[in-house]
Amino acid sequence: MTNKCKKCGYEWESKIDNPVSCPRCKRYDWNENQKKDNESHNKLNNTRQTK
């Protein structure tokens, strides 16, 4: 099965369906969309700019 990390873009072949982490960046949330990260990042930037 081919997997692709949504965090670093690395693609690899795996014997199991849902590996625990990305072998390149070691992130456990490798298969979750980055939208969550971008939203929290934008909120943090907006908070910093208003102060």
PDB file of N, CA and C in Angstrom:
ATOM      1  N   MET A   1       0.836  -1.175   0.000  1.00  0.00           N
ATOM      2  CA  MET A   1       0.000   0.000   0.000  1.00  0.00           C
ATOM      3  C   MET A   1       0.886   1.246   0.000  1.00  0.00           C
ATOM      4  N   THR A   2       0.544   2.220  -0.829  1.00  0.00           N
ATOM      5  CA  THR A   2       1.288   3.475  -0.901  1.00  0.00           C
ATOM      6  C   THR A   2       0.658   4.496   0.038  1.00  0.00           C
ATOM      7  N   ASN A   3       1.500   5.148   0.819  1.00  0.00           N
ATOM      8  CA  ASN A   3       1.050   6.182   1.748  1.00  0.00           C
ATOM      9  C   ASN A   3       1.746   7.485   1.407  1.00  0.00           C
ATOM     10  N   LYS A   4       1.088   8.597   1.718  1.00  0.00           N
ATOM     11  CA  LYS A   4       1.686   9.909   1.509  1.00  0.00           C
ATOM     12  C   LYS A   4       1.431  10.763   2.740  1.00  0.00           C
ATOM     13  N   CYS A   5       2.493  11.326   3.283  1.00  0.00           N
ATOM     14  CA  CYS A   5       2.394  12.191   4.452  1.00  0.00           C
ATOM     15  C   CYS A   5       1.839  13.543   4.019  1.00  0.00           C
ATOM     16  N   LYS A   6       0.765  13.984   4.669  1.00  0.00           N
ATOM     17  CA  LYS A   6       0.160  15.272   4.339  1.00  0.00           C
ATOM     18  C   LYS A   6       0.903  16.429   4.989  1.00  0.00           C
ATOM     19  N   LYS A   7       1.899  16.121   5.811  1.00  0.00           N
ATOM     20  CA  LYS A   7       2.685  17.166   6.472  1.00  0.00           C
ATOM     21  C   LYS A   7       3.953  17.494   5.683  1.00  0.00           C
ATOM     22  N   CYS A   8       4.711  16.450   5.304  1.00  0.00           N
ATOM     23  CA  CYS A   8       5.981  16.702   4.610  1.00  0.00           C
ATOM     24  C   CYS A   8       5.966  16.276   3.143  1.00  0.00           C
ATOM     25  N   GLY A   9       4.920  15.550   2.710  1.00  0.00           N
ATOM     26  CA  GLY A   9       4.803  15.158   1.313  1.00  0.00           C
ATOM     27  C   GLY A   9       5.516  13.870   0.944  1.00  0.00           C
ATOM     28  N   TYR A  10       6.122  13.209   1.903  1.00  0.00           N
ATOM     29  CA  TYR A  10       6.865  11.978   1.654  1.00  0.00           C
ATOM     30  C   TYR A  10       5.918  10.844   1.270  1.00  0.00           C
ATOM     31  N   GLU A  11       6.293  10.047   0.274  1.00  0.00           N
ATOM     32  CA  GLU A  11       5.520   8.881  -0.151  1.00  0.00           C
ATOM     33  C   GLU A  11       6.333   7.630   0.102  1.00  0.00           C
ATOM     34  N   TRP A  12       5.680   6.587   0.639  1.00  0.00           N
ATOM     35  CA  TRP A  12       6.378   5.353   0.920  1.00  0.00           C
ATOM     36  C   TRP A  12       5.433   4.169   0.820  1.00  0.00           C
ATOM     37  N   GLU A  13       6.023   3.001   0.609  1.00  0.00           N
ATOM     38  CA  GLU A  13       5.286   1.743   0.563  1.00  0.00           C
ATOM     39  C   GLU A  13       5.278   1.150   1.967  1.00  0.00           C
ATOM     40  N   SER A  14       4.114   0.650   2.381  1.00  0.00           N
ATOM     41  CA  SER A  14       3.983   0.078   3.711  1.00  0.00           C
ATOM     42  C   SER A  14       3.256  -1.253   3.630  1.00  0.00           C
ATOM     43  N   LYS A  15       3.625  -2.159   4.513  1.00  0.00           N
ATOM     44  CA  LYS A  15       2.961  -3.457   4.557  1.00  0.00           C
ATOM     45  C   LYS A  15       1.636  -3.389   5.308  1.00  0.00           C
ATOM     46  N   ILE A  16       1.476  -2.372   6.155  1.00  0.00           N
ATOM     47  CA  ILE A  16       0.236  -2.226   6.913  1.00  0.00           C
ATOM     48  C   ILE A  16      -0.600  -1.085   6.337  1.00  0.00           C
ATOM     49  N   ASP A  17      -1.900  -1.114   6.591  1.00  0.00           N
ATOM     50  CA  ASP A  17      -2.817  -0.134   6.006  1.00  0.00           C
ATOM     51  C   ASP A  17      -2.640   1.270   6.566  1.00  0.00           C
ATOM     52  N   ASN A  18      -2.482   1.393   7.872  1.00  0.00           N
ATOM     53  CA  ASN A  18      -2.421   2.712   8.490  1.00  0.00           C
ATOM     54  C   ASN A  18      -1.217   2.795   9.437  1.00  0.00           C
ATOM     55  N   PRO A  19      -0.041   3.137   8.925  1.00  0.00           N
ATOM     56  CA  PRO A  19       1.147   3.224   9.778  1.00  0.00           C
ATOM     57  C   PRO A  19       0.963   4.258  10.886  1.00  0.00           C
ATOM     58  N   VAL A  20       1.667   4.071  11.981  1.00  0.00           N
ATOM     59  CA  VAL A  20       1.547   4.961  13.134  1.00  0.00           C
ATOM     60  C   VAL A  20       2.130   6.331  12.836  1.00  0.00           C
ATOM     61  N   SER A  21       3.283   6.368  12.162  1.00  0.00           N
ATOM     62  CA  SER A  21       3.931   7.653  11.906  1.00  0.00           C
ATOM     63  C   SER A  21       4.604   7.662  10.541  1.00  0.00           C
ATOM     64  N   CYS A  22       4.928   8.850  10.083  1.00  0.00           N
ATOM     65  CA  CYS A  22       5.662   9.017   8.827  1.00  0.00           C
ATOM     66  C   CYS A  22       7.123   8.660   9.078  1.00  0.00           C
ATOM     67  N   PRO A  23       7.717   7.811   8.240  1.00  0.00           N
ATOM     68  CA  PRO A  23       9.113   7.435   8.457  1.00  0.00           C
ATOM     69  C   PRO A  23      10.101   8.583   8.226  1.00  0.00           C
ATOM     70  N   ARG A  24       9.695   9.608   7.528  1.00  0.00           N
ATOM     71  CA  ARG A  24      10.596  10.725   7.248  1.00  0.00           C
ATOM     72  C   ARG A  24      10.552  11.798   8.343  1.00  0.00           C
ATOM     73  N   CYS A  25       9.349  12.334   8.626  1.00  0.00           N
ATOM     74  CA  CYS A  25       9.245  13.435   9.595  1.00  0.00           C
ATOM     75  C   CYS A  25       8.832  12.953  10.983  1.00  0.00           C
ATOM     76  N   LYS A  26       8.469  11.662  11.103  1.00  0.00           N
ATOM     77  CA  LYS A  26       8.108  11.040  12.383  1.00  0.00           C
ATOM     78  C   LYS A  26       6.834  11.598  13.011  1.00  0.00           C
ATOM     79  N   ARG A  27       6.008  12.295  12.241  1.00  0.00           N
ATOM     80  CA  ARG A  27       4.771  12.875  12.782  1.00  0.00           C
ATOM     81  C   ARG A  27       3.711  11.787  12.916  1.00  0.00           C
ATOM     82  N   TYR A  28       3.005  11.794  14.033  1.00  0.00           N
ATOM     83  CA  TYR A  28       1.938  10.827  14.258  1.00  0.00           C
ATOM     84  C   TYR A  28       0.660  11.227  13.540  1.00  0.00           C
ATOM     85  N   ASP A  29       0.523  12.497  13.209  1.00  0.00           N
ATOM     86  CA  ASP A  29      -0.672  12.983  12.508  1.00  0.00           C
ATOM     87  C   ASP A  29      -0.398  13.161  11.012  1.00  0.00           C
ATOM     88  N   TRP A  30       0.420  12.276  10.449  1.00  0.00           N
ATOM     89  CA  TRP A  30       0.851  12.381   9.055  1.00  0.00           C
ATOM     90  C   TRP A  30      -0.298  12.288   8.067  1.00  0.00           C
ATOM     91  N   ASN A  31      -1.399  11.642   8.452  1.00  0.00           N
ATOM     92  CA  ASN A  31      -2.505  11.438   7.510  1.00  0.00           C
ATOM     93  C   ASN A  31      -3.675  12.380   7.761  1.00  0.00           C
ATOM     94  N   GLU A  32      -3.504  13.379   8.615  1.00  0.00           N
ATOM     95  CA  GLU A  32      -4.551  14.369   8.856  1.00  0.00           C
ATOM     96  C   GLU A  32      -4.296  15.596   7.995  1.00  0.00           C
ATOM     97  N   ASN A  33      -5.362  16.244   7.587  1.00  0.00           N
ATOM     98  CA  ASN A  33      -5.238  17.429   6.745  1.00  0.00           C
ATOM     99  C   ASN A  33      -4.528  18.553   7.479  1.00  0.00           C
ATOM    100  N   GLN A  34      -3.846  19.403   6.726  1.00  0.00           N
ATOM    101  CA  GLN A  34      -3.133  20.526   7.305  1.00  0.00           C
ATOM    102  C   GLN A  34      -4.061  21.686   7.628  1.00  0.00           C
ATOM    103  N   LYS A  35      -5.308  21.619   7.214  1.00  0.00           N
ATOM    104  CA  LYS A  35      -6.241  22.721   7.418  1.00  0.00           C
ATOM    105  C   LYS A  35      -6.335  23.096   8.897  1.00  0.00           C
ATOM    106  N   LYS A  36      -6.356  22.117   9.773  1.00  0.00           N
ATOM    107  CA  LYS A  36      -6.422  22.375  11.208  1.00  0.00           C
ATOM    108  C   LYS A  36      -5.211  23.182  11.654  1.00  0.00           C
ATOM    109  N   ASP A  37      -4.033  22.790  11.188  1.00  0.00           N
ATOM    110  CA  ASP A  37      -2.810  23.489  11.559  1.00  0.00           C
ATOM    111  C   ASP A  37      -2.827  24.919  11.046  1.00  0.00           C
ATOM    112  N   ASN A  38      -3.274  25.115   9.818  1.00  0.00           N
ATOM    113  CA  ASN A  38      -3.304  26.453   9.237  1.00  0.00           C
ATOM    114  C   ASN A  38      -4.288  27.352   9.970  1.00  0.00           C
ATOM    115  N   GLU A  39      -5.434  26.813  10.368  1.00  0.00           N
ATOM    116  CA  GLU A  39      -6.424  27.611  11.089  1.00  0.00           C
ATOM    117  C   GLU A  39      -5.880  28.067  12.432  1.00  0.00           C
ATOM    118  N   SER A  40      -5.240  27.167  13.168  1.00  0.00           N
ATOM    119  CA  SER A  40      -4.701  27.545  14.472  1.00  0.00           C
ATOM    120  C   SER A  40      -3.533  28.506  14.301  1.00  0.00           C
ATOM    121  N   HIS A  41      -2.757  28.337  13.252  1.00  0.00           N
ATOM    122  CA  HIS A  41      -1.644  29.244  12.978  1.00  0.00           C
ATOM    123  C   HIS A  41      -2.168  30.640  12.670  1.00  0.00           C
ATOM    124  N   ASN A  42      -3.225  30.726  11.868  1.00  0.00           N
ATOM    125  CA  ASN A  42      -3.813  32.024  11.530  1.00  0.00           C
ATOM    126  C   ASN A  42      -4.397  32.704  12.765  1.00  0.00           C
ATOM    127  N   LYS A  43      -5.046  31.943  13.634  1.00  0.00           N
ATOM    128  CA  LYS A  43      -5.599  32.515  14.861  1.00  0.00           C
ATOM    129  C   LYS A  43      -4.482  33.079  15.730  1.00  0.00           C
ATOM    130  N   LEU A  44      -3.379  32.368  15.820  1.00  0.00           N
ATOM    131  CA  LEU A  44      -2.246  32.818  16.613  1.00  0.00           C
ATOM    132  C   LEU A  44      -1.675  34.102  16.033  1.00  0.00           C
ATOM    133  N   ASN A  45      -1.529  34.172  14.727  1.00  0.00           N
ATOM    134  CA  ASN A  45      -1.009  35.380  14.082  1.00  0.00           C
ATOM    135  C   ASN A  45      -1.951  36.559  14.274  1.00  0.00           C
ATOM    136  N   ASN A  46      -3.253  36.332  14.174  1.00  0.00           N
ATOM    137  CA  ASN A  46      -4.222  37.411  14.373  1.00  0.00           C
ATOM    138  C   ASN A  46      -4.174  37.934  15.799  1.00  0.00           C
ATOM    139  N   THR A  47      -3.980  37.044  16.760  1.00  0.00           N
ATOM    140  CA  THR A  47      -3.892  37.450  18.161  1.00  0.00           C
ATOM    141  C   THR A  47      -2.655  38.310  18.378  1.00  0.00           C
ATOM    142  N   ARG A  48      -1.560  37.928  17.783  1.00  0.00           N
ATOM    143  CA  ARG A  48      -0.308  38.678  17.941  1.00  0.00           C
ATOM    144  C   ARG A  48      -0.393  40.055  17.287  1.00  0.00           C
ATOM    145  N   GLN A  49      -1.084  40.144  16.161  1.00  0.00           N
ATOM    146  CA  GLN A  49      -1.164  41.413  15.439  1.00  0.00           C
ATOM    147  C   GLN A  49      -2.062  42.419  16.144  1.00  0.00           C
ATOM    148  N   THR A  50      -3.059  41.955  16.883  1.00  0.00           N
ATOM    149  CA  THR A  50      -3.988  42.875  17.531  1.00  0.00           C
ATOM    150  C   THR A  50      -3.422  43.468  18.816  1.00  0.00           C
ATOM    151  N   LYS A  51      -2.390  42.870  19.351  1.00  0.00           N
ATOM    152  CA  LYS A  51      -1.803  43.379  20.604  1.00  0.00           C
ATOM    153  C   LYS A  51      -0.886  44.546  20.361  1.00  0.00           C
TER     154      LYS A  51
END
